[in-house]
Amino acid sequence: MKDGQLFFDSIMFTPEGMRHLIAESGVGQVVIGTDYPFPWNRVPVDHIMSIPDLSDVDRIAILGGTAAKLLGIEA
C-alpha cells in the first residue's frame, strides 16, 4: 500500500481507525471523504481536525493537498 498506487478516503468512524490507515498507507495516500448524501458525518473537515497527533502538514495533505497533486493542480 505504501508504493503509491492506492488512495483512500478519510471516511473512518474513529480517530484510531484513521491513525491505523495512515500508519499502514502513509498520510500521502489519504484524501478527505464526505460520504454525501449520507449524513453520518456532517463536518468531515472537523473530523480530520480532531484527530490527535496529526501535524498541520498532514492535515493539509488530507484536506486537499494530496487531491490537488492527483488532479495536477498543485500550487
N, C-alpha and C. Protein backbone atom coordinates (compact mmCIF):
# COMPACT_ATOMS: atom_id res chain seq x y z
N MET A 1 0.82 -1.20 0.00
CA MET A 1 0.00 0.00 0.00
C MET A 1 0.86 1.26 0.00
N LYS A 2 2.09 1.15 0.43
CA LYS A 2 2.92 2.35 0.54
C LYS A 2 3.65 2.70 -0.76
N ASP A 3 3.38 1.97 -1.83
CA ASP A 3 4.09 2.27 -3.07
C ASP A 3 3.38 3.32 -3.91
N GLY A 4 2.28 3.87 -3.41
CA GLY A 4 1.64 4.99 -4.08
C GLY A 4 0.58 4.64 -5.10
N GLN A 5 0.19 3.40 -5.22
CA GLN A 5 -0.80 3.04 -6.22
C GLN A 5 -2.23 3.09 -5.71
N LEU A 6 -2.42 3.07 -4.40
CA LEU A 6 -3.77 3.09 -3.83
C LEU A 6 -3.96 4.35 -3.00
N PHE A 7 -5.14 4.93 -3.13
CA PHE A 7 -5.52 6.10 -2.32
C PHE A 7 -6.79 5.75 -1.57
N PHE A 8 -6.95 6.34 -0.40
CA PHE A 8 -8.06 6.01 0.48
C PHE A 8 -8.76 7.28 0.91
N ASP A 9 -10.08 7.22 1.07
CA ASP A 9 -10.77 8.40 1.60
C ASP A 9 -10.76 8.35 3.12
N SER A 10 -11.05 9.48 3.71
CA SER A 10 -10.92 9.64 5.16
C SER A 10 -12.17 9.22 5.93
N ILE A 11 -13.05 8.49 5.29
CA ILE A 11 -14.28 8.09 5.99
C ILE A 11 -13.94 6.95 6.95
N MET A 12 -13.63 7.34 8.15
CA MET A 12 -13.34 6.42 9.24
C MET A 12 -14.27 6.80 10.39
N PHE A 13 -14.67 5.84 11.16
CA PHE A 13 -15.60 6.12 12.24
C PHE A 13 -14.91 6.53 13.53
N THR A 14 -13.63 6.29 13.64
CA THR A 14 -12.91 6.65 14.85
C THR A 14 -11.54 7.25 14.51
N PRO A 15 -11.01 8.08 15.37
CA PRO A 15 -9.65 8.57 15.16
C PRO A 15 -8.63 7.42 15.14
N GLU A 16 -8.88 6.38 15.92
CA GLU A 16 -7.97 5.23 15.93
C GLU A 16 -7.92 4.55 14.56
N GLY A 17 -9.09 4.45 13.92
CA GLY A 17 -9.14 3.89 12.58
C GLY A 17 -8.33 4.71 11.59
N MET A 18 -8.44 6.03 11.68
CA MET A 18 -7.68 6.91 10.79
C MET A 18 -6.18 6.80 11.07
N ARG A 19 -5.80 6.77 12.33
CA ARG A 19 -4.38 6.63 12.65
C ARG A 19 -3.82 5.31 12.11
N HIS A 20 -4.62 4.25 12.18
CA HIS A 20 -4.17 2.97 11.65
C HIS A 20 -4.02 3.03 10.12
N LEU A 21 -5.00 3.61 9.45
CA LEU A 21 -4.91 3.76 7.99
C LEU A 21 -3.65 4.53 7.60
N ILE A 22 -3.40 5.64 8.29
CA ILE A 22 -2.22 6.45 7.98
C ILE A 22 -0.94 5.67 8.26
N ALA A 23 -0.92 4.92 9.36
CA ALA A 23 0.27 4.12 9.69
C ALA A 23 0.54 3.06 8.63
N GLU A 24 -0.51 2.48 8.08
CA GLU A 24 -0.34 1.41 7.09
C GLU A 24 -0.09 1.93 5.68
N SER A 25 -0.71 3.04 5.31
CA SER A 25 -0.63 3.50 3.92
C SER A 25 0.25 4.72 3.74
N GLY A 26 0.41 5.50 4.80
CA GLY A 26 1.11 6.79 4.70
C GLY A 26 0.09 7.90 4.50
N VAL A 27 0.36 9.03 5.11
CA VAL A 27 -0.60 10.14 5.06
C VAL A 27 -0.81 10.64 3.63
N GLY A 28 0.18 10.48 2.78
CA GLY A 28 0.09 10.93 1.40
C GLY A 28 -0.85 10.11 0.53
N GLN A 29 -1.42 9.05 1.10
CA GLN A 29 -2.35 8.21 0.35
C GLN A 29 -3.79 8.41 0.81
N VAL A 30 -4.03 9.38 1.71
CA VAL A 30 -5.35 9.60 2.29
C VAL A 30 -5.89 10.95 1.84
N VAL A 31 -7.12 10.95 1.34
CA VAL A 31 -7.79 12.20 0.94
C VAL A 31 -9.12 12.31 1.66
N ILE A 32 -9.61 13.52 1.80
CA ILE A 32 -10.86 13.73 2.53
C ILE A 32 -12.02 13.07 1.79
N GLY A 33 -12.92 12.51 2.57
CA GLY A 33 -14.13 11.91 2.04
C GLY A 33 -15.33 12.41 2.83
N THR A 34 -16.48 12.49 2.19
CA THR A 34 -17.66 13.01 2.88
C THR A 34 -18.79 12.02 2.98
N ASP A 35 -18.87 11.06 2.09
CA ASP A 35 -19.96 10.09 2.02
C ASP A 35 -21.31 10.77 1.76
N TYR A 36 -21.29 11.95 1.15
CA TYR A 36 -22.51 12.68 0.82
C TYR A 36 -23.36 11.82 -0.11
N PRO A 37 -24.62 11.71 0.05
CA PRO A 37 -25.55 12.45 0.89
C PRO A 37 -25.88 11.75 2.21
N PHE A 38 -25.11 10.74 2.59
CA PHE A 38 -25.40 10.04 3.83
C PHE A 38 -24.82 10.82 5.00
N PRO A 39 -25.62 11.20 5.96
CA PRO A 39 -25.20 12.18 6.97
C PRO A 39 -24.49 11.62 8.20
N TRP A 40 -23.74 10.54 8.08
CA TRP A 40 -23.09 10.03 9.28
C TRP A 40 -22.07 11.02 9.82
N ASN A 41 -21.48 11.80 8.94
CA ASN A 41 -20.50 12.80 9.38
C ASN A 41 -20.78 14.08 8.61
N ARG A 42 -21.43 15.02 9.26
CA ARG A 42 -21.81 16.27 8.58
C ARG A 42 -20.68 17.28 8.50
N VAL A 43 -19.60 17.05 9.21
CA VAL A 43 -18.48 18.00 9.22
C VAL A 43 -17.16 17.24 9.03
N PRO A 44 -16.90 16.77 7.81
CA PRO A 44 -15.70 15.95 7.58
C PRO A 44 -14.40 16.69 7.86
N VAL A 45 -14.38 18.00 7.67
CA VAL A 45 -13.16 18.76 7.98
C VAL A 45 -12.90 18.73 9.48
N ASP A 46 -13.94 18.94 10.27
CA ASP A 46 -13.80 18.89 11.72
C ASP A 46 -13.32 17.51 12.17
N HIS A 47 -13.78 16.48 11.48
CA HIS A 47 -13.35 15.12 11.81
C HIS A 47 -11.84 15.00 11.66
N ILE A 48 -11.28 15.51 10.57
CA ILE A 48 -9.83 15.47 10.35
C ILE A 48 -9.11 16.34 11.37
N MET A 49 -9.66 17.51 11.63
CA MET A 49 -9.02 18.44 12.56
C MET A 49 -8.98 17.89 13.98
N SER A 50 -9.90 17.01 14.33
CA SER A 50 -9.98 16.49 15.69
C SER A 50 -9.10 15.27 15.94
N ILE A 51 -8.45 14.76 14.93
CA ILE A 51 -7.61 13.57 15.10
C ILE A 51 -6.31 13.98 15.78
N PRO A 52 -6.06 13.43 16.96
CA PRO A 52 -4.84 13.81 17.68
C PRO A 52 -3.58 13.36 16.94
N ASP A 53 -2.53 14.08 17.17
CA ASP A 53 -1.18 13.73 16.70
C ASP A 53 -0.96 13.90 15.20
N LEU A 54 -1.91 14.48 14.46
CA LEU A 54 -1.65 14.82 13.06
C LEU A 54 -0.98 16.19 13.03
N SER A 55 0.04 16.32 12.23
CA SER A 55 0.68 17.62 12.07
C SER A 55 -0.16 18.50 11.14
N ASP A 56 0.13 19.78 11.13
CA ASP A 56 -0.56 20.67 10.20
C ASP A 56 -0.29 20.25 8.76
N VAL A 57 0.91 19.79 8.48
CA VAL A 57 1.26 19.32 7.14
C VAL A 57 0.40 18.11 6.77
N ASP A 58 0.22 17.18 7.71
CA ASP A 58 -0.63 16.01 7.47
C ASP A 58 -2.07 16.43 7.19
N ARG A 59 -2.58 17.36 8.00
CA ARG A 59 -3.96 17.82 7.81
C ARG A 59 -4.14 18.50 6.45
N ILE A 60 -3.18 19.31 6.07
CA ILE A 60 -3.26 19.98 4.76
C ILE A 60 -3.27 18.94 3.64
N ALA A 61 -2.45 17.91 3.76
CA ALA A 61 -2.41 16.85 2.74
C ALA A 61 -3.77 16.17 2.63
N ILE A 62 -4.33 15.77 3.76
CA ILE A 62 -5.62 15.06 3.74
C ILE A 62 -6.74 15.97 3.25
N LEU A 63 -6.72 17.22 3.66
CA LEU A 63 -7.82 18.14 3.36
C LEU A 63 -7.76 18.74 1.95
N GLY A 64 -6.76 18.38 1.17
CA GLY A 64 -6.76 18.88 -0.21
C GLY A 64 -5.43 18.80 -0.93
N GLY A 65 -4.34 18.77 -0.19
CA GLY A 65 -3.03 18.75 -0.84
C GLY A 65 -2.80 17.53 -1.71
N THR A 66 -3.14 16.37 -1.20
CA THR A 66 -2.96 15.13 -1.97
C THR A 66 -3.90 15.11 -3.17
N ALA A 67 -5.15 15.54 -2.98
CA ALA A 67 -6.10 15.58 -4.10
C ALA A 67 -5.60 16.53 -5.18
N ALA A 68 -5.05 17.65 -4.79
CA ALA A 68 -4.53 18.62 -5.77
C ALA A 68 -3.39 17.98 -6.59
N LYS A 69 -2.52 17.23 -5.93
CA LYS A 69 -1.45 16.55 -6.66
C LYS A 69 -2.02 15.52 -7.64
N LEU A 70 -3.01 14.76 -7.19
CA LEU A 70 -3.64 13.76 -8.07
C LEU A 70 -4.27 14.39 -9.30
N LEU A 71 -4.84 15.57 -9.11
CA LEU A 71 -5.52 16.26 -10.21
C LEU A 71 -4.57 17.14 -11.02
N GLY A 72 -3.32 17.21 -10.61
CA GLY A 72 -2.34 18.00 -11.35
C GLY A 72 -2.54 19.51 -11.17
N ILE A 73 -3.08 19.91 -10.03
CA ILE A 73 -3.29 21.33 -9.80
C ILE A 73 -2.53 21.83 -8.57
N GLU A 74 -1.35 21.26 -8.38
CA GLU A 74 -0.51 21.69 -7.27
C GLU A 74 -0.15 23.15 -7.38
N ALA A 75 -0.14 23.81 -6.26
CA ALA A 75 0.21 25.24 -6.25
C ALA A 75 1.71 25.41 -6.24
